[in-house]
């Protein structure tokens, strides 16, 4: 099931963050979607940004400011969190580089 976690107006479009249950990793996973204003009237190309080991679905949206340019270009941004969180691996909360992340 797909759960909308948050939604915010952003550069004329909307930034949304979601959670879903992943059968592949056995835990919930998060991802973000930025829809530029043109998405209300047309199908648009999408860019998938795969975050690194210490990043999440929010990092690209917060640090890169890519929504501004995507809004100008009519580009959808999809930012999945590539690191399973709370997977039950011993030590996963103590060591940031444990290796459970960067699932891509």
PDB file of N, CA and C in Angstrom:
ATOM      1  N   UNK A   1       0.841  -1.177   0.000  1.00  0.00           N
ATOM      2  CA  UNK A   1       0.000   0.000   0.000  1.00  0.00           C
ATOM      3  C   UNK A   1       0.887   1.242   0.000  1.00  0.00           C
ATOM      4  N   UNK A   2       0.516   2.208  -0.783  1.00  0.00           N
ATOM      5  CA  UNK A   2       1.243   3.464  -0.901  1.00  0.00           C
ATOM      6  C   UNK A   2       0.662   4.482   0.069  1.00  0.00           C
ATOM      7  N   UNK A   3       1.543   5.084   0.890  1.00  0.00           N
ATOM      8  CA  UNK A   3       1.095   6.057   1.888  1.00  0.00           C
ATOM      9  C   UNK A   3       1.763   7.402   1.621  1.00  0.00           C
ATOM     10  N   UNK A   4       0.964   8.442   1.449  1.00  0.00           N
ATOM     11  CA  UNK A   4       1.482   9.791   1.292  1.00  0.00           C
ATOM     12  C   UNK A   4       1.894  10.310   2.659  1.00  0.00           C
ATOM     13  N   UNK A   5       3.179  10.659   2.810  1.00  0.00           N
ATOM     14  CA  UNK A   5       3.692  11.159   4.086  1.00  0.00           C
ATOM     15  C   UNK A   5       3.610  12.675   4.180  1.00  0.00           C
ATOM     16  N   UNK A   6       3.897  13.366   3.082  1.00  0.00           N
ATOM     17  CA  UNK A   6       3.822  14.828   3.081  1.00  0.00           C
ATOM     18  C   UNK A   6       3.697  15.341   1.663  1.00  0.00           C
ATOM     19  N   UNK A   7       3.188  16.571   1.561  1.00  0.00           N
ATOM     20  CA  UNK A   7       3.002  17.217   0.273  1.00  0.00           C
ATOM     21  C   UNK A   7       3.162  18.716   0.478  1.00  0.00           C
ATOM     22  N   UNK A   8       4.016  19.332  -0.357  1.00  0.00           N
ATOM     23  CA  UNK A   8       4.302  20.756  -0.209  1.00  0.00           C
ATOM     24  C   UNK A   8       4.351  21.425  -1.574  1.00  0.00           C
ATOM     25  N   UNK A   9       3.806  22.639  -1.669  1.00  0.00           N
ATOM     26  CA  UNK A   9       3.936  23.433  -2.888  1.00  0.00           C
ATOM     27  C   UNK A   9       5.412  23.775  -3.080  1.00  0.00           C
ATOM     28  N   UNK A  10       5.852  23.732  -4.333  1.00  0.00           N
ATOM     29  CA  UNK A  10       7.269  23.919  -4.601  1.00  0.00           C
ATOM     30  C   UNK A  10       7.474  24.403  -6.046  1.00  0.00           C
ATOM     31  N   UNK A  11       7.940  25.634  -6.236  1.00  0.00           N
ATOM     32  CA  UNK A  11       8.241  26.191  -7.557  1.00  0.00           C
ATOM     33  C   UNK A  11       7.097  25.990  -8.549  1.00  0.00           C
ATOM     34  N   UNK A  12       5.899  26.243  -8.102  1.00  0.00           N
ATOM     35  CA  UNK A  12       4.734  26.121  -8.964  1.00  0.00           C
ATOM     36  C   UNK A  12       4.185  24.718  -9.086  1.00  0.00           C
ATOM     37  N   UNK A  13       4.926  23.745  -8.591  1.00  0.00           N
ATOM     38  CA  UNK A  13       4.508  22.346  -8.635  1.00  0.00           C
ATOM     39  C   UNK A  13       4.266  21.836  -7.229  1.00  0.00           C
ATOM     40  N   UNK A  14       4.513  20.546  -7.048  1.00  0.00           N
ATOM     41  CA  UNK A  14       4.302  19.935  -5.739  1.00  0.00           C
ATOM     42  C   UNK A  14       5.386  18.888  -5.474  1.00  0.00           C
ATOM     43  N   UNK A  15       5.906  18.892  -4.247  1.00  0.00           N
ATOM     44  CA  UNK A  15       6.864  17.885  -3.784  1.00  0.00           C
ATOM     45  C   UNK A  15       6.120  16.959  -2.838  1.00  0.00           C
ATOM     46  N   UNK A  16       6.156  15.670  -3.133  1.00  0.00           N
ATOM     47  CA  UNK A  16       5.482  14.671  -2.294  1.00  0.00           C
ATOM     48  C   UNK A  16       6.490  13.638  -1.823  1.00  0.00           C
ATOM     49  N   UNK A  17       6.251  13.120  -0.624  1.00  0.00           N
ATOM     50  CA  UNK A  17       7.052  12.015  -0.089  1.00  0.00           C
ATOM     51  C   UNK A  17       6.110  10.882   0.300  1.00  0.00           C
ATOM     52  N   UNK A  18       6.511   9.660  -0.072  1.00  0.00           N
ATOM     53  CA  UNK A  18       5.684   8.469   0.120  1.00  0.00           C
ATOM     54  C   UNK A  18       6.442   7.375   0.869  1.00  0.00           C
ATOM     55  N   UNK A  19       5.662   6.433   1.407  1.00  0.00           N
ATOM     56  CA  UNK A  19       6.195   5.200   2.001  1.00  0.00           C
ATOM     57  C   UNK A  19       5.394   4.043   1.418  1.00  0.00           C
ATOM     58  N   UNK A  20       6.085   2.914   1.213  1.00  0.00           N
ATOM     59  CA  UNK A  20       5.400   1.704   0.745  1.00  0.00           C
ATOM     60  C   UNK A  20       6.080   0.485   1.354  1.00  0.00           C
ATOM     61  N   UNK A  21       5.339  -0.591   1.462  1.00  0.00           N
ATOM     62  CA  UNK A  21       5.897  -1.845   1.969  1.00  0.00           C
ATOM     63  C   UNK A  21       6.618  -2.536   0.815  1.00  0.00           C
ATOM     64  N   UNK A  22       7.878  -2.858   1.028  1.00  0.00           N
ATOM     65  CA  UNK A  22       8.667  -3.510  -0.018  1.00  0.00           C
ATOM     66  C   UNK A  22       8.820  -4.990   0.287  1.00  0.00           C
ATOM     67  N   UNK A  23       8.328  -5.815  -0.608  1.00  0.00           N
ATOM     68  CA  UNK A  23       8.526  -7.259  -0.450  1.00  0.00           C
ATOM     69  C   UNK A  23       9.983  -7.626  -0.695  1.00  0.00           C
ATOM     70  N   UNK A  24      10.650  -6.879  -1.555  1.00  0.00           N
ATOM     71  CA  UNK A  24      12.032  -7.193  -1.917  1.00  0.00           C
ATOM     72  C   UNK A  24      12.993  -7.066  -0.735  1.00  0.00           C
ATOM     73  N   UNK A  25      12.810  -6.029   0.100  1.00  0.00           N
ATOM     74  CA  UNK A  25      13.721  -5.839   1.229  1.00  0.00           C
ATOM     75  C   UNK A  25      13.082  -6.183   2.570  1.00  0.00           C
ATOM     76  N   UNK A  26      11.786  -6.449   2.573  1.00  0.00           N
ATOM     77  CA  UNK A  26      11.115  -6.883   3.787  1.00  0.00           C
ATOM     78  C   UNK A  26      10.875  -5.793   4.814  1.00  0.00           C
ATOM     79  N   UNK A  27      10.885  -4.553   4.396  1.00  0.00           N
ATOM     80  CA  UNK A  27      10.622  -3.432   5.291  1.00  0.00           C
ATOM     81  C   UNK A  27       9.992  -2.312   4.470  1.00  0.00           C
ATOM     82  N   UNK A  28       9.605  -1.252   5.121  1.00  0.00           N
ATOM     83  CA  UNK A  28       9.038  -0.138   4.349  1.00  0.00           C
ATOM     84  C   UNK A  28      10.158   0.663   3.701  1.00  0.00           C
ATOM     85  N   UNK A  29       9.845   1.236   2.550  1.00  0.00           N
ATOM     86  CA  UNK A  29      10.796   2.072   1.816  1.00  0.00           C
ATOM     87  C   UNK A  29      10.117   3.394   1.496  1.00  0.00           C
ATOM     88  N   UNK A  30      10.926   4.436   1.342  1.00  0.00           N
ATOM     89  CA  UNK A  30      10.415   5.771   1.080  1.00  0.00           C
ATOM     90  C   UNK A  30      10.894   6.265  -0.284  1.00  0.00           C
ATOM     91  N   UNK A  31      10.138   7.174  -0.875  1.00  0.00           N
ATOM     92  CA  UNK A  31      10.581   7.848  -2.085  1.00  0.00           C
ATOM     93  C   UNK A  31       9.870   9.192  -2.202  1.00  0.00           C
ATOM     94  N   UNK A  32      10.494  10.096  -2.954  1.00  0.00           N
ATOM     95  CA  UNK A  32       9.921  11.403  -3.203  1.00  0.00           C
ATOM     96  C   UNK A  32       9.591  11.558  -4.674  1.00  0.00           C
ATOM     97  N   UNK A  33       8.609  12.408  -4.957  1.00  0.00           N
ATOM     98  CA  UNK A  33       8.239  12.745  -6.332  1.00  0.00           C
ATOM     99  C   UNK A  33       7.985  14.250  -6.381  1.00  0.00           C
ATOM    100  N   UNK A  34       8.689  14.926  -7.301  1.00  0.00           N
ATOM    101  CA  UNK A  34       8.384  16.321  -7.581  1.00  0.00           C
ATOM    102  C   UNK A  34       7.639  16.379  -8.901  1.00  0.00           C
ATOM    103  N   UNK A  35       6.461  16.991  -8.868  1.00  0.00           N
ATOM    104  CA  UNK A  35       5.660  17.174 -10.072  1.00  0.00           C
ATOM    105  C   UNK A  35       5.661  18.663 -10.414  1.00  0.00           C
ATOM    106  N   UNK A  36       6.247  19.037 -11.551  1.00  0.00           N
ATOM    107  CA  UNK A  36       6.247  20.449 -11.940  1.00  0.00           C
ATOM    108  C   UNK A  36       4.842  20.874 -12.358  1.00  0.00           C
ATOM    109  N   UNK A  37       4.602  22.175 -12.495  1.00  0.00           N
ATOM    110  CA  UNK A  37       3.242  22.634 -12.832  1.00  0.00           C
ATOM    111  C   UNK A  37       2.716  22.063 -14.149  1.00  0.00           C
ATOM    112  N   UNK A  38       3.586  21.754 -15.089  1.00  0.00           N
ATOM    113  CA  UNK A  38       3.163  21.217 -16.381  1.00  0.00           C
ATOM    114  C   UNK A  38       2.537  19.833 -16.257  1.00  0.00           C
ATOM    115  N   UNK A  39       2.754  19.152 -15.141  1.00  0.00           N
ATOM    116  CA  UNK A  39       2.237  17.798 -14.944  1.00  0.00           C
ATOM    117  C   UNK A  39       0.717  17.768 -14.834  1.00  0.00           C
ATOM    118  N   UNK A  40       0.098  18.913 -14.591  1.00  0.00           N
ATOM    119  CA  UNK A  40      -1.365  18.959 -14.521  1.00  0.00           C
ATOM    120  C   UNK A  40      -2.003  18.779 -15.891  1.00  0.00           C
ATOM    121  N   UNK A  41      -1.248  19.116 -16.955  1.00  0.00           N
ATOM    122  CA  UNK A  41      -1.827  19.116 -18.295  1.00  0.00           C
ATOM    123  C   UNK A  41      -1.198  18.129 -19.268  1.00  0.00           C
ATOM    124  N   UNK A  42      -0.091  17.498 -18.884  1.00  0.00           N
ATOM    125  CA  UNK A  42       0.617  16.653 -19.855  1.00  0.00           C
ATOM    126  C   UNK A  42       1.416  15.564 -19.152  1.00  0.00           C
ATOM    127  N   UNK A  43       1.718  14.516 -19.914  1.00  0.00           N
ATOM    128  CA  UNK A  43       2.654  13.495 -19.439  1.00  0.00           C
ATOM    129  C   UNK A  43       4.051  14.040 -19.667  1.00  0.00           C
ATOM    130  N   UNK A  44       4.936  13.842 -18.700  1.00  0.00           N
ATOM    131  CA  UNK A  44       6.262  14.442 -18.753  1.00  0.00           C
ATOM    132  C   UNK A  44       7.354  13.399 -18.565  1.00  0.00           C
ATOM    133  N   UNK A  45       8.566  13.696 -19.025  1.00  0.00           N
ATOM    134  CA  UNK A  45       9.693  12.800 -18.749  1.00  0.00           C
ATOM    135  C   UNK A  45      10.048  12.858 -17.266  1.00  0.00           C
ATOM    136  N   UNK A  46      10.665  11.791 -16.792  1.00  0.00           N
ATOM    137  CA  UNK A  46      11.049  11.714 -15.384  1.00  0.00           C
ATOM    138  C   UNK A  46      12.531  11.400 -15.257  1.00  0.00           C
ATOM    139  N   UNK A  47      13.143  11.985 -14.260  1.00  0.00           N
ATOM    140  CA  UNK A  47      14.530  11.705 -13.894  1.00  0.00           C
ATOM    141  C   UNK A  47      14.515  10.986 -12.554  1.00  0.00           C
ATOM    142  N   UNK A  48      15.116   9.800 -12.501  1.00  0.00           N
ATOM    143  CA  UNK A  48      15.246   9.053 -11.249  1.00  0.00           C
ATOM    144  C   UNK A  48      16.628   9.318 -10.691  1.00  0.00           C
ATOM    145  N   UNK A  49      16.693   9.847  -9.466  1.00  0.00           N
ATOM    146  CA  UNK A  49      17.965  10.144  -8.816  1.00  0.00           C
ATOM    147  C   UNK A  49      18.164   9.134  -7.695  1.00  0.00           C
ATOM    148  N   UNK A  50      19.195   8.308  -7.805  1.00  0.00           N
ATOM    149  CA  UNK A  50      19.481   7.281  -6.795  1.00  0.00           C
ATOM    150  C   UNK A  50      20.504   7.823  -5.813  1.00  0.00           C
ATOM    151  N   UNK A  51      20.056   8.060  -4.603  1.00  0.00           N
ATOM    152  CA  UNK A  51      20.905   8.642  -3.567  1.00  0.00           C
ATOM    153  C   UNK A  51      21.992   7.665  -3.126  1.00  0.00           C
ATOM    154  N   UNK A  52      23.042   8.205  -2.578  1.00  0.00           N
ATOM    155  CA  UNK A  52      24.147   7.390  -2.081  1.00  0.00           C
ATOM    156  C   UNK A  52      23.865   6.807  -0.712  1.00  0.00           C
ATOM    157  N   UNK A  53      24.857   6.174  -0.154  1.00  0.00           N
ATOM    158  CA  UNK A  53      24.736   5.402   1.083  1.00  0.00           C
ATOM    159  C   UNK A  53      24.198   6.203   2.262  1.00  0.00           C
ATOM    160  N   UNK A  54      24.651   7.427   2.451  1.00  0.00           N
ATOM    161  CA  UNK A  54      24.233   8.189   3.632  1.00  0.00           C
ATOM    162  C   UNK A  54      23.083   9.135   3.336  1.00  0.00           C
ATOM    163  N   UNK A  55      22.477   9.028   2.168  1.00  0.00           N
ATOM    164  CA  UNK A  55      21.388   9.925   1.773  1.00  0.00           C
ATOM    165  C   UNK A  55      20.043   9.213   1.845  1.00  0.00           C
ATOM    166  N   UNK A  56      19.007  10.013   1.761  1.00  0.00           N
ATOM    167  CA  UNK A  56      17.644   9.472   1.760  1.00  0.00           C
ATOM    168  C   UNK A  56      16.859  10.086   0.606  1.00  0.00           C
ATOM    169  N   UNK A  57      15.578   9.790   0.565  1.00  0.00           N
ATOM    170  CA  UNK A  57      14.713  10.339  -0.475  1.00  0.00           C
ATOM    171  C   UNK A  57      14.575  11.860  -0.378  1.00  0.00           C
ATOM    172  N   UNK A  58      14.893  12.412   0.796  1.00  0.00           N
ATOM    173  CA  UNK A  58      14.771  13.855   0.999  1.00  0.00           C
ATOM    174  C   UNK A  58      16.045  14.619   0.665  1.00  0.00           C
ATOM    175  N   UNK A  59      17.193  13.962   0.676  1.00  0.00           N
ATOM    176  CA  UNK A  59      18.472  14.654   0.534  1.00  0.00           C
ATOM    177  C   UNK A  59      18.562  15.454  -0.755  1.00  0.00           C
ATOM    178  N   UNK A  60      18.249  14.839  -1.877  1.00  0.00           N
ATOM    179  CA  UNK A  60      18.339  15.519  -3.171  1.00  0.00           C
ATOM    180  C   UNK A  60      17.406  16.726  -3.212  1.00  0.00           C
ATOM    181  N   UNK A  61      16.196  16.536  -2.737  1.00  0.00           N
ATOM    182  CA  UNK A  61      15.217  17.621  -2.737  1.00  0.00           C
ATOM    183  C   UNK A  61      15.670  18.785  -1.857  1.00  0.00           C
ATOM    184  N   UNK A  62      16.246  18.486  -0.715  1.00  0.00           N
ATOM    185  CA  UNK A  62      16.649  19.525   0.228  1.00  0.00           C
ATOM    186  C   UNK A  62      17.935  20.227  -0.205  1.00  0.00           C
ATOM    187  N   UNK A  63      18.940  19.476  -0.615  1.00  0.00           N
ATOM    188  CA  UNK A  63      20.260  20.049  -0.882  1.00  0.00           C
ATOM    189  C   UNK A  63      20.484  20.541  -2.302  1.00  0.00           C
ATOM    190  N   UNK A  64      19.913  19.886  -3.289  1.00  0.00           N
ATOM    191  CA  UNK A  64      20.244  20.216  -4.673  1.00  0.00           C
ATOM    192  C   UNK A  64      19.443  21.381  -5.232  1.00  0.00           C
ATOM    193  N   UNK A  65      18.245  21.596  -4.724  1.00  0.00           N
ATOM    194  CA  UNK A  65      17.398  22.636  -5.285  1.00  0.00           C
ATOM    195  C   UNK A  65      16.992  22.337  -6.718  1.00  0.00           C
ATOM    196  N   UNK A  66      16.950  21.078  -7.059  1.00  0.00           N
ATOM    197  CA  UNK A  66      16.673  20.663  -8.430  1.00  0.00           C
ATOM    198  C   UNK A  66      15.239  20.933  -8.860  1.00  0.00           C
ATOM    199  N   UNK A  67      14.337  21.107  -7.915  1.00  0.00           N
ATOM    200  CA  UNK A  67      12.940  21.338  -8.282  1.00  0.00           C
ATOM    201  C   UNK A  67      12.783  22.628  -9.099  1.00  0.00           C
ATOM    202  N   UNK A  68      13.569  23.633  -8.796  1.00  0.00           N
ATOM    203  CA  UNK A  68      13.474  24.889  -9.538  1.00  0.00           C
ATOM    204  C   UNK A  68      13.734  24.650 -11.029  1.00  0.00           C
ATOM    205  N   UNK A  69      14.830  23.945 -11.321  1.00  0.00           N
ATOM    206  CA  UNK A  69      15.185  23.674 -12.724  1.00  0.00           C
ATOM    207  C   UNK A  69      14.195  22.697 -13.358  1.00  0.00           C
ATOM    208  N   UNK A  70      13.769  21.701 -12.603  1.00  0.00           N
ATOM    209  CA  UNK A  70      12.795  20.734 -13.117  1.00  0.00           C
ATOM    210  C   UNK A  70      11.479  21.427 -13.451  1.00  0.00           C
ATOM    211  N   UNK A  71      11.108  22.418 -12.649  1.00  0.00           N
ATOM    212  CA  UNK A  71       9.894  23.178 -12.915  1.00  0.00           C
ATOM    213  C   UNK A  71      10.024  23.954 -14.227  1.00  0.00           C
ATOM    214  N   UNK A  72      11.188  24.535 -14.468  1.00  0.00           N
ATOM    215  CA  UNK A  72      11.432  25.269 -15.708  1.00  0.00           C
ATOM    216  C   UNK A  72      11.407  24.338 -16.925  1.00  0.00           C
ATOM    217  N   UNK A  73      11.937  23.130 -16.770  1.00  0.00           N
ATOM    218  CA  UNK A  73      12.070  22.182 -17.873  1.00  0.00           C
ATOM    219  C   UNK A  73      10.863  21.276 -18.080  1.00  0.00           C
ATOM    220  N   UNK A  74       9.950  21.264 -17.109  1.00  0.00           N
ATOM    221  CA  UNK A  74       8.824  20.329 -17.196  1.00  0.00           C
ATOM    222  C   UNK A  74       9.287  18.900 -16.981  1.00  0.00           C
ATOM    223  N   UNK A  75      10.056  18.680 -15.928  1.00  0.00           N
ATOM    224  CA  UNK A  75      10.671  17.385 -15.647  1.00  0.00           C
ATOM    225  C   UNK A  75      10.200  16.873 -14.287  1.00  0.00           C
ATOM    226  N   UNK A  76       9.716  15.642 -14.242  1.00  0.00           N
ATOM    227  CA  UNK A  76       9.342  14.991 -12.984  1.00  0.00           C
ATOM    228  C   UNK A  76      10.612  14.443 -12.346  1.00  0.00           C
ATOM    229  N   UNK A  77      10.769  14.636 -11.038  1.00  0.00           N
ATOM    230  CA  UNK A  77      11.912  14.085 -10.300  1.00  0.00           C
ATOM    231  C   UNK A  77      11.417  12.987  -9.371  1.00  0.00           C
ATOM    232  N   UNK A  78      12.038  11.823  -9.444  1.00  0.00           N
ATOM    233  CA  UNK A  78      11.708  10.700  -8.568  1.00  0.00           C
ATOM    234  C   UNK A  78      12.963  10.366  -7.778  1.00  0.00           C
ATOM    235  N   UNK A  79      12.858  10.384  -6.443  1.00  0.00           N
ATOM    236  CA  UNK A  79      14.026  10.206  -5.581  1.00  0.00           C
ATOM    237  C   UNK A  79      13.792   9.086  -4.569  1.00  0.00           C
ATOM    238  N   UNK A  80      14.028   7.831  -4.966  1.00  0.00           N
ATOM    239  CA  UNK A  80      13.862   6.734  -4.009  1.00  0.00           C
ATOM    240  C   UNK A  80      14.987   6.706  -2.981  1.00  0.00           C
ATOM    241  N   UNK A  81      14.656   6.318  -1.774  1.00  0.00           N
ATOM    242  CA  UNK A  81      15.681   6.034  -0.770  1.00  0.00           C
ATOM    243  C   UNK A  81      16.217   4.657  -1.111  1.00  0.00           C
ATOM    244  N   UNK A  82      17.480   4.570  -1.411  1.00  0.00           N
ATOM    245  CA  UNK A  82      18.068   3.301  -1.842  1.00  0.00           C
ATOM    246  C   UNK A  82      18.561   2.451  -0.684  1.00  0.00           C
ATOM    247  N   UNK A  83      18.410   2.937   0.544  1.00  0.00           N
ATOM    248  CA  UNK A  83      18.916   2.214   1.713  1.00  0.00           C
ATOM    249  C   UNK A  83      17.771   1.713   2.580  1.00  0.00           C
ATOM    250  N   UNK A  84      17.620   0.402   2.715  1.00  0.00           N
ATOM    251  CA  UNK A  84      16.608  -0.108   3.642  1.00  0.00           C
ATOM    252  C   UNK A  84      16.891   0.381   5.062  1.00  0.00           C
ATOM    253  N   UNK A  85      15.894   0.858   5.738  1.00  0.00           N
ATOM    254  CA  UNK A  85      16.024   1.359   7.111  1.00  0.00           C
ATOM    255  C   UNK A  85      15.339   0.378   8.043  1.00  0.00           C
ATOM    256  N   UNK A  86      15.865   0.239   9.243  1.00  0.00           N
ATOM    257  CA  UNK A  86      15.281  -0.654  10.252  1.00  0.00           C
ATOM    258  C   UNK A  86      15.069  -2.064   9.716  1.00  0.00           C
ATOM    259  N   UNK A  87      16.100  -2.590   9.074  1.00  0.00           N
ATOM    260  CA  UNK A  87      16.015  -3.927   8.470  1.00  0.00           C
ATOM    261  C   UNK A  87      16.303  -5.039   9.475  1.00  0.00           C
ATOM    262  N   UNK A  88      16.668  -4.669  10.706  1.00  0.00           N
ATOM    263  CA  UNK A  88      16.931  -5.678  11.719  1.00  0.00           C
ATOM    264  C   UNK A  88      18.329  -6.264  11.655  1.00  0.00           C
ATOM    265  N   UNK A  89      19.233  -5.595  10.945  1.00  0.00           N
ATOM    266  CA  UNK A  89      20.619  -6.061  10.853  1.00  0.00           C
ATOM    267  C   UNK A  89      21.364  -5.593  12.095  1.00  0.00           C
ATOM    268  N   UNK A  90      22.037  -6.499  12.809  1.00  0.00           N
ATOM    269  CA  UNK A  90      22.764  -6.095  14.013  1.00  0.00           C
ATOM    270  C   UNK A  90      23.765  -4.981  13.707  1.00  0.00           C
ATOM    271  N   UNK A  91      23.698  -3.897  14.503  1.00  0.00           N
ATOM    272  CA  UNK A  91      24.626  -2.787  14.358  1.00  0.00           C
ATOM    273  C   UNK A  91      24.238  -1.740  13.335  1.00  0.00           C
ATOM    274  N   UNK A  92      23.096  -1.915  12.665  1.00  0.00           N
ATOM    275  CA  UNK A  92      22.728  -0.981  11.597  1.00  0.00           C
ATOM    276  C   UNK A  92      22.523   0.454  12.092  1.00  0.00           C
ATOM    277  N   UNK A  93      22.134   0.636  13.321  1.00  0.00           N
ATOM    278  CA  UNK A  93      21.921   1.988  13.847  1.00  0.00           C
ATOM    279  C   UNK A  93      23.176   2.582  14.485  1.00  0.00           C
ATOM    280  N   UNK A  94      24.194   1.768  14.661  1.00  0.00           N
ATOM    281  CA  UNK A  94      25.441   2.260  15.242  1.00  0.00           C
ATOM    282  C   UNK A  94      26.461   2.649  14.185  1.00  0.00           C
ATOM    283  N   UNK A  95      26.440   2.004  13.030  1.00  0.00           N
ATOM    284  CA  UNK A  95      27.436   2.231  11.984  1.00  0.00           C
ATOM    285  C   UNK A  95      26.754   2.696  10.699  1.00  0.00           C
ATOM    286  N   UNK A  96      27.014   3.940  10.295  1.00  0.00           N
ATOM    287  CA  UNK A  96      26.375   4.496   9.098  1.00  0.00           C
ATOM    288  C   UNK A  96      26.814   3.768   7.827  1.00  0.00           C
ATOM    289  N   UNK A  97      27.996   3.184   7.836  1.00  0.00           N
ATOM    290  CA  UNK A  97      28.524   2.530   6.625  1.00  0.00           C
ATOM    291  C   UNK A  97      28.480   1.011   6.706  1.00  0.00           C
ATOM    292  N   UNK A  98      27.499   0.504   7.430  1.00  0.00           N
ATOM    293  CA  UNK A  98      27.406  -0.930   7.656  1.00  0.00           C
ATOM    294  C   UNK A  98      27.287  -1.714   6.363  1.00  0.00           C
ATOM    295  N   UNK A  99      26.717  -1.120   5.346  1.00  0.00           N
ATOM    296  CA  UNK A  99      26.594  -1.828   4.078  1.00  0.00           C
ATOM    297  C   UNK A  99      25.182  -2.309   3.788  1.00  0.00           C
ATOM    298  N   UNK A 100      24.213  -1.943   4.655  1.00  0.00           N
ATOM    299  CA  UNK A 100      22.839  -2.327   4.349  1.00  0.00           C
ATOM    300  C   UNK A 100      22.208  -1.340   3.393  1.00  0.00           C
ATOM    301  N   UNK A 101      22.889  -0.248   3.136  1.00  0.00           N
ATOM    302  CA  UNK A 101      22.333   0.805   2.303  1.00  0.00           C
ATOM    303  C   UNK A 101      22.725   0.680   0.859  1.00  0.00           C
ATOM    304  N   UNK A 102      22.397   1.715   0.132  1.00  0.00           N
ATOM    305  CA  UNK A 102      22.711   1.833  -1.298  1.00  0.00           C
ATOM    306  C   UNK A 102      22.255   0.583  -2.042  1.00  0.00           C
ATOM    307  N   UNK A 103      20.981   0.264  -1.906  1.00  0.00           N
ATOM    308  CA  UNK A 103      20.412  -0.923  -2.515  1.00  0.00           C
ATOM    309  C   UNK A 103      20.453  -0.969  -4.022  1.00  0.00           C
ATOM    310  N   UNK A 104      20.713   0.183  -4.667  1.00  0.00           N
ATOM    311  CA  UNK A 104      20.762   0.131  -6.120  1.00  0.00           C
ATOM    312  C   UNK A 104      22.043  -0.523  -6.574  1.00  0.00           C
TER     313      UNK A 104
END
